[in-house]
N, C-alpha and C. Protein backbone atom coordinates (compact mmCIF):
# COMPACT_ATOMS: atom_id res chain seq x y z
N UNK A 1 0.85 -1.17 0.00
CA UNK A 1 0.00 0.00 0.00
C UNK A 1 0.90 1.23 0.00
N UNK A 2 0.67 2.13 -0.93
CA UNK A 2 1.46 3.36 -0.99
C UNK A 2 0.55 4.55 -0.86
N UNK A 3 1.09 5.60 -0.32
CA UNK A 3 0.35 6.85 -0.16
C UNK A 3 1.01 7.92 -1.00
N UNK A 4 0.21 8.61 -1.77
CA UNK A 4 0.73 9.71 -2.56
C UNK A 4 0.21 11.01 -1.98
N UNK A 5 1.09 11.98 -1.91
CA UNK A 5 0.70 13.28 -1.37
C UNK A 5 0.84 14.31 -2.47
N UNK A 6 -0.19 15.08 -2.67
CA UNK A 6 -0.13 16.12 -3.68
C UNK A 6 0.67 17.30 -3.14
N UNK A 7 1.03 18.21 -4.03
CA UNK A 7 1.83 19.38 -3.64
C UNK A 7 1.05 20.27 -2.68
N UNK A 8 -0.28 20.28 -2.79
CA UNK A 8 -1.08 21.13 -1.92
C UNK A 8 -1.27 20.53 -0.53
N UNK A 9 -1.08 19.23 -0.41
CA UNK A 9 -1.33 18.59 0.88
C UNK A 9 -0.23 18.96 1.87
N UNK A 10 -0.59 18.83 3.11
CA UNK A 10 0.35 19.18 4.18
C UNK A 10 1.35 18.04 4.35
N UNK A 11 2.62 18.39 4.48
CA UNK A 11 3.63 17.36 4.66
C UNK A 11 3.74 16.98 6.13
N UNK A 12 4.19 15.79 6.36
CA UNK A 12 4.37 15.31 7.73
C UNK A 12 5.61 15.96 8.33
N UNK A 13 5.54 16.37 9.58
CA UNK A 13 6.72 16.99 10.19
C UNK A 13 7.81 15.96 10.43
N UNK A 14 9.03 16.37 10.21
CA UNK A 14 10.17 15.50 10.47
C UNK A 14 10.55 15.60 11.93
N UNK A 15 11.23 14.61 12.41
CA UNK A 15 11.69 14.69 13.79
C UNK A 15 12.78 15.75 13.87
N UNK A 16 12.81 16.43 15.00
CA UNK A 16 13.76 17.52 15.15
C UNK A 16 15.16 16.97 15.38
N UNK A 17 16.14 17.73 14.96
CA UNK A 17 17.51 17.29 15.16
C UNK A 17 17.90 17.46 16.62
N UNK A 18 18.91 16.73 17.02
CA UNK A 18 19.40 16.82 18.39
C UNK A 18 19.88 18.23 18.70
N UNK A 19 20.49 18.89 17.73
CA UNK A 19 20.96 20.27 17.93
C UNK A 19 19.79 21.21 18.22
N UNK A 20 18.68 21.02 17.50
CA UNK A 20 17.49 21.86 17.74
C UNK A 20 16.92 21.61 19.13
N UNK A 21 16.87 20.35 19.53
CA UNK A 21 16.35 20.00 20.86
C UNK A 21 17.23 20.60 21.94
N UNK A 22 18.55 20.49 21.77
CA UNK A 22 19.49 21.05 22.76
C UNK A 22 19.37 22.57 22.83
N UNK A 23 19.19 23.22 21.70
CA UNK A 23 19.05 24.68 21.69
C UNK A 23 17.77 25.09 22.43
N UNK A 24 16.69 24.36 22.21
CA UNK A 24 15.44 24.65 22.90
C UNK A 24 15.58 24.42 24.40
N UNK A 25 16.23 23.33 24.78
CA UNK A 25 16.46 23.06 26.21
C UNK A 25 17.30 24.16 26.85
N UNK A 26 18.31 24.61 26.14
CA UNK A 26 19.16 25.68 26.65
C UNK A 26 18.37 26.96 26.86
N UNK A 27 17.49 27.26 25.93
CA UNK A 27 16.64 28.45 26.05
C UNK A 27 15.72 28.33 27.27
N UNK A 28 15.13 27.16 27.46
CA UNK A 28 14.25 26.94 28.62
C UNK A 28 15.03 27.09 29.93
N UNK A 29 16.24 26.53 29.96
CA UNK A 29 17.05 26.63 31.18
C UNK A 29 17.45 28.08 31.48
N UNK A 30 17.76 28.84 30.43
CA UNK A 30 18.09 30.25 30.64
C UNK A 30 16.92 31.01 31.23
N UNK A 31 15.71 30.74 30.71
CA UNK A 31 14.52 31.42 31.25
C UNK A 31 14.25 30.98 32.68
N UNK A 32 14.46 29.72 32.98
CA UNK A 32 14.25 29.22 34.33
C UNK A 32 15.26 29.85 35.30
N UNK A 33 16.52 29.95 34.86
CA UNK A 33 17.54 30.58 35.71
C UNK A 33 17.17 32.02 36.04
N UNK A 34 16.68 32.75 35.06
CA UNK A 34 16.34 34.15 35.31
C UNK A 34 15.16 34.26 36.27
N UNK A 35 14.22 33.33 36.19
CA UNK A 35 13.09 33.35 37.13
C UNK A 35 13.52 32.97 38.54
N UNK A 36 14.41 31.98 38.63
CA UNK A 36 14.83 31.51 39.94
C UNK A 36 15.80 32.45 40.64
N UNK A 37 16.43 33.34 39.90
CA UNK A 37 17.38 34.26 40.54
C UNK A 37 16.68 35.20 41.50
N UNK A 38 15.40 35.45 41.30
CA UNK A 38 14.64 36.35 42.18
C UNK A 38 13.97 35.61 43.34
N UNK A 39 14.08 34.29 43.37
CA UNK A 39 13.39 33.51 44.39
C UNK A 39 14.30 33.29 45.59
N UNK A 40 13.75 33.48 46.77
CA UNK A 40 14.47 33.19 48.00
C UNK A 40 14.34 31.70 48.27
N UNK A 41 15.46 31.01 48.40
CA UNK A 41 15.43 29.56 48.59
C UNK A 41 14.71 29.17 49.87
N UNK A 42 14.72 30.03 50.88
CA UNK A 42 14.02 29.73 52.12
C UNK A 42 12.51 29.64 51.90
N UNK A 43 12.02 30.31 50.87
CA UNK A 43 10.59 30.23 50.54
C UNK A 43 10.25 28.91 49.86
N UNK A 44 11.22 28.32 49.19
CA UNK A 44 10.97 27.08 48.45
C UNK A 44 11.01 25.83 49.32
N UNK A 45 11.79 25.86 50.39
CA UNK A 45 11.98 24.67 51.21
C UNK A 45 10.67 24.09 51.73
N UNK A 46 9.78 24.89 52.34
CA UNK A 46 8.52 24.28 52.82
C UNK A 46 7.70 23.65 51.70
N UNK A 47 7.70 24.27 50.54
CA UNK A 47 6.96 23.72 49.40
C UNK A 47 7.55 22.39 48.96
N UNK A 48 8.87 22.33 48.86
CA UNK A 48 9.52 21.09 48.43
C UNK A 48 9.34 19.97 49.46
N UNK A 49 9.42 20.32 50.73
CA UNK A 49 9.22 19.31 51.78
C UNK A 49 7.79 18.79 51.74
N UNK A 50 6.83 19.69 51.60
CA UNK A 50 5.43 19.27 51.53
C UNK A 50 5.19 18.37 50.33
N UNK A 51 5.80 18.70 49.21
CA UNK A 51 5.64 17.88 48.01
C UNK A 51 6.21 16.49 48.24
N UNK A 52 7.37 16.42 48.89
CA UNK A 52 7.99 15.12 49.16
C UNK A 52 7.14 14.30 50.13
N UNK A 53 6.58 14.95 51.13
CA UNK A 53 5.72 14.25 52.09
C UNK A 53 4.49 13.69 51.38
N UNK A 54 3.90 14.48 50.50
CA UNK A 54 2.74 13.99 49.75
C UNK A 54 3.10 12.80 48.88
N UNK A 55 4.23 12.88 48.21
CA UNK A 55 4.66 11.75 47.37
C UNK A 55 4.87 10.50 48.22
N UNK A 56 5.52 10.67 49.36
CA UNK A 56 5.77 9.52 50.24
C UNK A 56 4.45 8.92 50.72
N UNK A 57 3.51 9.77 51.08
CA UNK A 57 2.20 9.29 51.54
C UNK A 57 1.47 8.57 50.41
N UNK A 58 1.52 9.14 49.20
CA UNK A 58 0.86 8.50 48.06
C UNK A 58 1.49 7.15 47.75
N UNK A 59 2.82 7.10 47.79
CA UNK A 59 3.49 5.83 47.51
C UNK A 59 3.20 4.81 48.61
N UNK A 60 3.11 5.28 49.86
CA UNK A 60 2.74 4.38 50.95
C UNK A 60 1.37 3.79 50.74
N UNK A 61 0.44 4.61 50.25
CA UNK A 61 -0.91 4.12 49.96
C UNK A 61 -0.89 3.10 48.83
N UNK A 62 -0.08 3.35 47.83
CA UNK A 62 0.03 2.40 46.71
C UNK A 62 0.60 1.08 47.19
N UNK A 63 1.67 1.14 47.97
CA UNK A 63 2.29 -0.09 48.46
C UNK A 63 1.36 -0.87 49.39
N UNK A 64 0.58 -0.16 50.19
CA UNK A 64 -0.33 -0.87 51.10
C UNK A 64 -1.44 -1.58 50.33
N UNK A 65 -1.83 -1.05 49.18
CA UNK A 65 -2.85 -1.71 48.36
C UNK A 65 -2.29 -2.95 47.68
N UNK A 66 -1.01 -2.92 47.35
CA UNK A 66 -0.38 -4.04 46.66
C UNK A 66 -0.26 -5.23 47.58
N UNK A 67 0.04 -4.98 48.84
CA UNK A 67 0.25 -6.08 49.80
C UNK A 67 -1.01 -6.72 50.12
């Protein structure tokens, strides 16, 4: 079975090159760095601890169901 595509039809997107992906990741990291430079780390600690506690509790619930 073959598929023919006319000139007017939309072409399928190609996978991006590794260089393009790395450039996009670098751009995202630069934006993240600029946002985090204004954040006080002492403000983040309670949030991160709470997130870890929730994950631990959720995983504990999952493990208790498995047993």
